[in-house]
N, C-alpha and C. Protein backbone atom coordinates (compact mmCIF):
# COMPACT_ATOMS: atom_id res chain seq x y z
N MET A 1 54.19 -42.23 -6.64
CA MET A 1 53.12 -41.82 -7.73
C MET A 1 53.88 -41.34 -8.63
N GLY A 2 53.91 -41.56 -9.66
CA GLY A 2 55.08 -40.58 -10.77
C GLY A 2 54.10 -40.02 -12.01
N SER A 3 54.77 -38.65 -12.48
CA SER A 3 53.80 -38.33 -13.90
C SER A 3 54.93 -37.93 -14.57
N VAL A 4 54.20 -37.65 -15.45
CA VAL A 4 55.12 -36.84 -17.22
C VAL A 4 54.79 -35.85 -16.74
N SER A 5 55.27 -34.15 -17.42
CA SER A 5 54.87 -32.91 -18.12
C SER A 5 55.46 -33.04 -18.99
N ILE A 6 54.64 -32.41 -19.81
CA ILE A 6 55.33 -31.82 -21.17
C ILE A 6 54.80 -30.23 -21.65
N ASP A 7 55.42 -30.04 -22.10
CA ASP A 7 54.70 -28.88 -22.75
C ASP A 7 54.47 -28.42 -24.20
N GLY A 8 53.31 -27.88 -24.51
CA GLY A 8 52.95 -28.46 -25.56
C GLY A 8 52.18 -26.54 -26.35
N ILE A 9 51.45 -27.14 -27.44
CA ILE A 9 50.56 -25.84 -27.68
C ILE A 9 48.99 -25.96 -27.23
N CYS A 10 48.36 -24.87 -26.94
CA CYS A 10 47.17 -24.87 -26.88
C CYS A 10 46.56 -25.14 -27.75
N PRO A 11 45.40 -25.55 -28.06
CA PRO A 11 44.41 -25.95 -28.82
C PRO A 11 43.33 -24.65 -28.84
N ARG A 12 43.33 -23.81 -28.05
CA ARG A 12 42.47 -22.72 -28.38
C ARG A 12 43.43 -21.89 -28.43
N CYS A 13 43.89 -21.21 -27.75
CA CYS A 13 44.48 -19.96 -28.36
C CYS A 13 46.01 -20.35 -28.97
N GLU A 14 46.28 -21.35 -28.97
CA GLU A 14 47.27 -21.74 -29.59
C GLU A 14 49.08 -20.94 -28.96
N SER A 15 49.18 -20.92 -27.69
CA SER A 15 50.13 -20.30 -26.55
C SER A 15 51.39 -21.59 -26.51
N GLU A 16 52.33 -21.33 -26.44
CA GLU A 16 53.27 -22.35 -26.13
C GLU A 16 53.16 -22.29 -24.23
N ASN A 17 52.55 -21.87 -23.53
CA ASN A 17 52.55 -21.65 -22.33
C ASN A 17 50.75 -22.68 -21.54
N TYR A 18 51.48 -23.57 -22.14
CA TYR A 18 50.43 -24.98 -22.00
C TYR A 18 50.85 -26.04 -21.84
N VAL A 19 50.71 -26.78 -20.41
CA VAL A 19 51.39 -27.83 -19.80
C VAL A 19 50.52 -29.02 -20.01
N GLU A 20 50.65 -30.12 -20.32
CA GLU A 20 49.81 -31.75 -20.02
C GLU A 20 51.34 -32.43 -18.96
N ASN A 21 50.17 -32.88 -17.90
CA ASN A 21 50.35 -33.36 -16.56
C ASN A 21 49.86 -34.86 -17.00
N TYR A 22 50.51 -36.27 -17.40
CA TYR A 22 50.05 -37.57 -17.18
C TYR A 22 50.59 -38.44 -16.09
N HIS A 23 49.55 -38.75 -15.22
CA HIS A 23 50.03 -39.58 -14.00
C HIS A 23 49.62 -41.21 -14.37
N TYR A 24 51.20 -41.70 -14.95
CA TYR A 24 51.77 -42.82 -15.01
C TYR A 24 50.41 -44.04 -14.55
N SER A 25 50.86 -43.49 -13.08
CA SER A 25 50.36 -44.60 -11.80
C SER A 25 48.94 -44.37 -11.81
N THR A 26 48.26 -43.47 -12.15
CA THR A 26 46.66 -43.86 -11.77
C THR A 26 46.30 -43.48 -13.41
N HIS A 27 46.71 -43.51 -14.26
CA HIS A 27 46.36 -42.80 -15.68
C HIS A 27 45.28 -41.39 -15.75
N GLU A 28 45.42 -40.76 -14.81
CA GLU A 28 44.93 -39.45 -14.80
C GLU A 28 45.97 -38.34 -15.35
N ASN A 29 44.81 -37.51 -16.10
CA ASN A 29 45.88 -36.65 -17.10
C ASN A 29 45.07 -35.42 -16.60
N TYR A 30 45.88 -33.89 -16.59
CA TYR A 30 45.45 -32.84 -16.56
C TYR A 30 46.44 -32.08 -17.83
N LYS A 31 45.61 -31.33 -18.03
CA LYS A 31 45.87 -30.07 -19.60
C LYS A 31 45.55 -28.60 -18.91
N MET A 32 46.32 -27.41 -19.00
CA MET A 32 45.69 -26.45 -18.54
C MET A 32 46.34 -25.32 -19.70
N CYS A 33 45.91 -24.50 -20.07
CA CYS A 33 46.83 -23.15 -20.90
C CYS A 33 46.92 -21.83 -19.62
N TYR A 34 48.27 -21.65 -19.75
CA TYR A 34 48.15 -20.36 -18.20
C TYR A 34 47.85 -19.25 -19.00
N ASP A 35 47.58 -19.00 -20.66
CA ASP A 35 47.34 -17.80 -21.00
C ASP A 35 45.75 -17.40 -21.05
N CYS A 36 44.80 -18.26 -22.09
CA CYS A 36 43.41 -18.18 -21.79
C CYS A 36 42.61 -19.12 -20.79
N GLY A 37 43.49 -19.95 -20.33
CA GLY A 37 42.17 -20.95 -19.04
C GLY A 37 42.08 -22.05 -19.36
N TYR A 38 42.26 -22.42 -20.77
CA TYR A 38 41.68 -23.47 -21.46
C TYR A 38 42.24 -24.44 -20.35
N TYR A 39 41.31 -25.91 -20.24
CA TYR A 39 41.51 -26.66 -19.50
C TYR A 39 40.54 -28.27 -19.83
N THR A 40 41.19 -29.06 -19.69
CA THR A 40 40.74 -30.67 -19.51
C THR A 40 41.86 -31.52 -18.30
N ARG A 41 40.82 -32.46 -17.60
CA ARG A 41 41.60 -33.43 -16.93
C ARG A 41 40.55 -34.43 -16.62
N VAL A 42 41.03 -35.68 -16.99
CA VAL A 42 40.35 -36.63 -16.53
C VAL A 42 41.22 -37.11 -15.23
N VAL A 43 40.15 -37.84 -14.16
CA VAL A 43 40.56 -38.53 -13.03
C VAL A 43 39.81 -39.10 -12.61
N ILE A 44 40.36 -39.97 -11.78
CA ILE A 44 39.69 -40.90 -11.08
C ILE A 44 38.39 -40.97 -9.74
N LYS A 45 37.01 -41.36 -10.22
CA LYS A 45 35.60 -40.57 -9.46
C LYS A 45 36.14 -41.26 -8.13
N LYS A 46 35.50 -40.43 -7.17
CA LYS A 46 35.79 -40.42 -6.08
C LYS A 46 34.50 -40.22 -5.33
N ASP A 47 34.19 -40.85 -4.21
CA ASP A 47 32.87 -40.14 -3.35
C ASP A 47 33.43 -39.10 -2.45
N GLU A 48 31.74 -38.81 -1.82
CA GLU A 48 32.57 -37.65 -0.89
C GLU A 48 33.21 -37.76 0.44
N ASN A 49 33.71 -38.90 0.49
CA ASN A 49 34.47 -38.86 1.52
C ASN A 49 36.18 -39.24 0.84
N LYS A 50 36.71 -39.27 -0.27
CA LYS A 50 37.42 -39.46 -1.21
C LYS A 50 38.03 -40.44 -1.36
N ASN A 51 36.95 -42.03 -1.33
CA ASN A 51 36.85 -42.89 -1.92
C ASN A 51 36.98 -42.94 -3.18
N TYR A 52 37.51 -43.74 -3.91
CA TYR A 52 37.29 -44.61 -5.31
C TYR A 52 36.49 -44.96 -5.44
N ILE A 53 35.50 -44.74 -6.23
CA ILE A 53 34.27 -45.30 -6.55
C ILE A 53 34.86 -46.53 -7.77
N LEU A 54 34.18 -47.57 -7.52
CA LEU A 54 34.21 -49.18 -8.47
C LEU A 54 33.12 -49.28 -9.23
N VAL A 55 33.74 -50.16 -10.20
CA VAL A 55 32.48 -50.63 -11.03
C VAL A 55 31.73 -51.23 -10.64
N ASP A 56 32.55 -52.82 -9.74
CA ASP A 56 32.44 -53.66 -8.77
C ASP A 56 33.00 -53.88 -7.36
N GLU A 57 32.54 -53.48 -6.24
CA GLU A 57 32.44 -53.14 -5.18
C GLU A 57 33.27 -54.75 -4.97
N SER A 58 33.31 -55.69 -5.49
CA SER A 58 33.57 -56.95 -4.89
C SER A 58 35.37 -57.48 -5.39
N LYS A 59 35.66 -56.41 -6.69
CA LYS A 59 36.65 -56.56 -6.70
C LYS A 59 37.82 -55.57 -6.30
N GLY A 60 38.79 -55.50 -6.45
CA GLY A 60 40.05 -55.05 -5.87
C GLY A 60 40.46 -53.02 -6.92
N LEU A 61 41.59 -52.84 -6.95
CA LEU A 61 41.76 -51.56 -7.13
C LEU A 61 42.45 -51.82 -8.61
N GLU A 62 42.01 -52.26 -9.55
CA GLU A 62 42.57 -52.17 -10.71
C GLU A 62 42.44 -51.41 -12.15
N PHE A 63 42.75 -50.75 -12.81
CA PHE A 63 42.35 -49.78 -13.67
C PHE A 63 40.91 -50.09 -14.38
N SER A 64 41.04 -51.19 -14.89
CA SER A 64 39.83 -52.02 -15.03
C SER A 64 38.27 -51.38 -14.41
N ASN A 65 38.48 -51.09 -12.96
CA ASN A 65 37.36 -51.53 -12.00
C ASN A 65 37.35 -50.18 -11.96
N LEU A 66 37.91 -49.31 -12.18
CA LEU A 66 38.16 -47.89 -11.90
C LEU A 66 36.89 -46.81 -12.89
N ILE A 67 36.19 -46.08 -12.40
CA ILE A 67 35.32 -44.58 -13.42
C ILE A 67 36.05 -43.58 -12.95
N TYR A 68 36.31 -43.22 -14.47
CA TYR A 68 36.60 -42.33 -14.76
C TYR A 68 36.39 -41.03 -15.35
N GLU A 69 36.15 -39.95 -14.38
CA GLU A 69 35.89 -38.65 -14.84
C GLU A 69 36.29 -37.69 -16.14
N GLU A 70 35.68 -36.79 -16.77
CA GLU A 70 36.35 -35.64 -17.60
C GLU A 70 36.07 -34.37 -17.16
N PHE A 71 36.62 -33.71 -16.98
CA PHE A 71 36.08 -32.29 -16.57
C PHE A 71 36.83 -31.48 -18.01
N LYS A 72 35.95 -30.50 -18.27
CA LYS A 72 36.91 -29.42 -19.38
C LYS A 72 35.82 -28.15 -19.17
N ASN A 73 36.99 -27.17 -19.89
CA ASN A 73 36.29 -26.08 -20.33
C ASN A 73 37.39 -25.54 -21.33
N GLU A 74 36.92 -26.04 -22.70
CA GLU A 74 37.30 -25.21 -23.83
C GLU A 74 37.33 -23.97 -24.09
N ASN A 75 36.53 -23.08 -24.13
CA ASN A 75 36.21 -21.94 -23.85
C ASN A 75 35.75 -21.14 -22.68
N PRO A 76 37.00 -20.73 -21.59
CA PRO A 76 36.69 -20.15 -20.33
C PRO A 76 36.65 -18.96 -20.52
N PHE A 77 36.26 -18.18 -19.22
CA PHE A 77 36.75 -16.20 -19.56
C PHE A 77 38.15 -16.01 -19.35
N GLY A 78 38.71 -16.69 -18.98
CA GLY A 78 40.33 -16.39 -18.63
C GLY A 78 41.12 -17.42 -17.68
N CYS A 79 41.98 -17.06 -17.26
CA CYS A 79 42.93 -17.30 -16.30
C CYS A 79 43.59 -16.63 -15.31
N PHE A 80 43.69 -16.76 -13.97
CA PHE A 80 43.75 -15.93 -13.13
C PHE A 80 45.53 -16.36 -12.61
N ARG A 81 46.73 -15.74 -12.86
CA ARG A 81 48.29 -16.09 -11.54
C ARG A 81 48.79 -14.92 -10.90
N ILE A 82 47.98 -15.45 -9.38
CA ILE A 82 48.47 -14.88 -8.24
C ILE A 82 50.47 -15.39 -7.50
N GLU A 83 50.66 -14.17 -7.26
CA GLU A 83 52.30 -14.38 -7.07
C GLU A 83 52.46 -13.81 -5.82
N TYR A 84 52.96 -14.46 -4.91
CA TYR A 84 52.97 -13.98 -3.47
C TYR A 84 54.52 -13.62 -3.10
N LEU A 85 54.64 -13.06 -2.28
CA LEU A 85 55.95 -12.59 -1.97
C LEU A 85 56.57 -13.71 -1.17
N GLY A 86 58.08 -13.76 -1.86
CA GLY A 86 58.23 -15.11 -1.54
C GLY A 86 58.98 -15.95 -2.45
N GLY A 87 57.93 -15.73 -3.72
CA GLY A 87 58.41 -16.48 -5.07
C GLY A 87 56.83 -17.07 -5.43
N ASN A 88 56.37 -17.99 -4.35
CA ASN A 88 54.97 -19.09 -4.36
C ASN A 88 54.29 -18.37 -5.53
N SER A 89 53.76 -18.88 -6.48
CA SER A 89 52.96 -18.90 -7.27
C SER A 89 51.37 -19.64 -7.26
N GLU A 90 49.84 -19.34 -7.75
CA GLU A 90 49.06 -20.23 -8.26
C GLU A 90 48.20 -19.79 -9.21
N ILE A 91 47.61 -20.78 -10.36
CA ILE A 91 47.35 -20.43 -11.34
C ILE A 91 46.08 -20.99 -11.50
N GLY A 92 45.27 -20.85 -11.83
CA GLY A 92 43.71 -21.23 -11.85
C GLY A 92 43.03 -20.51 -12.94
N THR A 93 41.52 -21.40 -13.62
CA THR A 93 40.77 -20.97 -14.42
C THR A 93 39.64 -20.29 -14.03
N LEU A 94 39.33 -19.36 -14.63
CA LEU A 94 37.98 -18.29 -14.58
C LEU A 94 36.82 -18.76 -15.77
N ASP A 95 36.27 -20.07 -15.17
CA ASP A 95 35.02 -20.25 -16.15
C ASP A 95 34.33 -19.40 -16.57
N THR A 96 33.91 -18.67 -16.19
CA THR A 96 32.61 -17.42 -16.11
C THR A 96 32.96 -16.17 -16.35
N GLU A 97 32.55 -15.07 -17.03
CA GLU A 97 32.69 -13.56 -16.48
C GLU A 97 31.97 -13.48 -14.75
N ASN A 98 31.36 -14.34 -14.23
CA ASN A 98 30.54 -13.85 -12.92
C ASN A 98 31.74 -14.43 -11.96
N ASP A 99 32.44 -15.60 -12.42
CA ASP A 99 33.73 -16.19 -11.84
C ASP A 99 34.66 -14.83 -11.41
N TYR A 100 34.93 -14.37 -12.94
CA TYR A 100 35.99 -12.97 -12.58
C TYR A 100 35.55 -12.13 -12.11
N ASN A 101 34.06 -11.55 -12.07
CA ASN A 101 33.89 -10.56 -11.32
C ASN A 101 33.43 -11.20 -9.72
N ASP A 102 33.58 -11.99 -9.00
CA ASP A 102 33.55 -12.93 -8.23
C ASP A 102 34.97 -12.60 -7.26
N PHE A 103 35.68 -12.98 -8.01
CA PHE A 103 37.25 -13.20 -8.03
C PHE A 103 38.15 -11.54 -7.90
N VAL A 104 37.49 -10.75 -8.48
CA VAL A 104 38.00 -9.77 -8.51
C VAL A 104 37.39 -8.91 -7.34
N SER A 105 36.28 -8.59 -7.44
CA SER A 105 35.33 -7.80 -5.78
C SER A 105 35.40 -8.67 -3.96
N ASP A 106 35.60 -10.03 -4.63
CA ASP A 106 35.55 -10.80 -3.33
C ASP A 106 37.00 -11.03 -2.85
N PHE A 107 37.38 -12.49 -3.43
CA PHE A 107 39.18 -13.46 -3.28
C PHE A 107 39.16 -12.63 -3.41
N ILE A 108 40.17 -11.59 -4.41
CA ILE A 108 41.43 -10.73 -4.18
C ILE A 108 41.15 -10.00 -2.65
N PRO A 109 40.14 -8.94 -2.71
CA PRO A 109 40.06 -8.54 -1.08
C PRO A 109 40.57 -9.35 -0.20
N SER A 110 40.04 -10.57 0.00
CA SER A 110 39.64 -11.34 1.20
C SER A 110 41.37 -11.72 1.22
N GLU A 111 42.07 -12.35 0.15
CA GLU A 111 43.04 -12.74 0.07
C GLU A 111 44.13 -11.78 0.48
N LEU A 112 44.31 -10.45 -0.11
CA LEU A 112 45.13 -9.51 0.57
C LEU A 112 45.30 -9.29 1.83
N VAL A 113 44.25 -9.27 2.95
CA VAL A 113 44.26 -9.55 4.27
C VAL A 113 45.15 -10.42 4.55
N SER A 114 44.86 -11.65 4.00
CA SER A 114 44.99 -12.10 4.97
C SER A 114 46.84 -13.28 4.33
N ARG A 115 46.85 -12.90 3.61
CA ARG A 115 48.59 -12.95 2.45
C ARG A 115 48.67 -11.97 2.39
N GLU A 116 50.42 -12.55 1.80
CA GLU A 116 51.40 -11.55 1.10
C GLU A 116 51.01 -11.45 -0.54
N ILE A 117 50.09 -10.46 -1.28
CA ILE A 117 50.47 -10.89 -2.72
C ILE A 117 51.32 -9.80 -2.99
N LYS A 118 52.08 -10.06 -3.98
CA LYS A 118 52.81 -9.40 -5.03
C LYS A 118 52.41 -8.93 -5.71
N GLU A 119 51.43 -9.97 -6.98
CA GLU A 119 51.05 -9.40 -7.70
C GLU A 119 49.32 -10.41 -8.59
N VAL A 120 48.56 -9.50 -9.30
CA VAL A 120 47.70 -10.38 -9.52
C VAL A 120 47.36 -9.98 -11.03
N ILE A 121 47.20 -11.33 -12.13
CA ILE A 121 47.36 -10.94 -13.12
C ILE A 121 46.18 -11.73 -13.30
N VAL A 122 44.90 -11.40 -14.33
CA VAL A 122 44.54 -11.91 -15.16
C VAL A 122 44.51 -11.99 -16.94
N SER A 123 44.57 -12.91 -17.60
CA SER A 123 44.85 -13.36 -19.26
C SER A 123 43.69 -13.43 -19.90
N ARG A 124 43.94 -13.73 -20.72
CA ARG A 124 42.06 -13.91 -21.58
C ARG A 124 42.20 -13.74 -22.82
N LEU A 125 41.87 -14.86 -23.89
CA LEU A 125 42.02 -14.36 -25.23
C LEU A 125 40.67 -13.53 -25.69
N VAL A 126 40.95 -13.00 -26.15
CA VAL A 126 40.22 -11.52 -26.67
C VAL A 126 40.49 -11.46 -28.28
N GLU A 127 39.33 -11.73 -28.76
CA GLU A 127 39.48 -11.63 -30.43
C GLU A 127 41.01 -12.30 -31.03
N ASN A 128 41.31 -13.22 -30.71
CA ASN A 128 42.03 -13.89 -31.80
C ASN A 128 43.59 -13.49 -30.65
N SER A 129 43.81 -12.71 -29.23
CA SER A 129 44.91 -12.27 -29.29
C SER A 129 44.85 -12.46 -27.04
N ILE A 130 45.99 -12.82 -26.84
CA ILE A 130 45.87 -13.02 -25.18
C ILE A 130 45.99 -11.52 -24.60
N GLN A 131 45.11 -10.82 -23.78
CA GLN A 131 45.26 -9.63 -23.26
C GLN A 131 45.37 -9.71 -21.63
N LYS A 132 46.11 -9.36 -21.03
CA LYS A 132 47.03 -9.34 -19.97
C LYS A 132 46.22 -7.89 -18.74
N GLU A 133 45.76 -8.63 -17.82
CA GLU A 133 44.46 -7.13 -16.87
C GLU A 133 45.45 -7.14 -15.47
N VAL A 134 46.99 -6.18 -15.09
CA VAL A 134 46.95 -6.42 -13.79
C VAL A 134 45.67 -6.03 -12.49
N VAL A 135 45.19 -6.74 -12.02
CA VAL A 135 44.31 -6.96 -11.14
C VAL A 135 45.01 -6.04 -9.58
N PHE A 136 46.09 -6.80 -9.60
CA PHE A 136 47.11 -6.07 -8.33
C PHE A 136 48.11 -6.02 -8.42
N SER A 137 48.49 -5.04 -8.17
CA SER A 137 50.07 -5.28 -7.84
C SER A 137 50.98 -4.15 -6.79
N LEU A 138 52.08 -4.53 -5.87
CA LEU A 138 53.06 -3.62 -4.90
C LEU A 138 53.27 -2.61 -5.57
N ASN A 139 53.69 -2.92 -6.88
CA ASN A 139 54.64 -1.77 -7.87
C ASN A 139 53.51 -1.02 -8.85
N PRO A 140 52.95 -0.50 -8.29
CA PRO A 140 51.68 0.58 -9.32
C PRO A 140 52.63 0.76 -10.64
């Protein structure tokens, strides 16, 4: 499976911290802003067993027989970044303020027990400006 990644400008906050990733072997597409959390993704629809859902079961796996789904949030609450000791990190979108509250009150404390976290930052678009909040840091 191959893909092409390009840096771009976020259509929501105009940040340059925006990535588009196109998988040319499947025609799936992922776009995300690492500052405001904006995302859109187009993926092949799968069933609960992760099998492709086809337009016509009698035909094979060809692009015209696949069903694509689009997921997007053009106005999310924000984006999180978790940096682990050793250099790995993960990034994701917080769709709503409730997601943010759950992330801070439930997810982060449980991760601190089981993983070695160096820093957690939430960034979001507030009044046309990216605001960053350090939720946790080993170096206060």
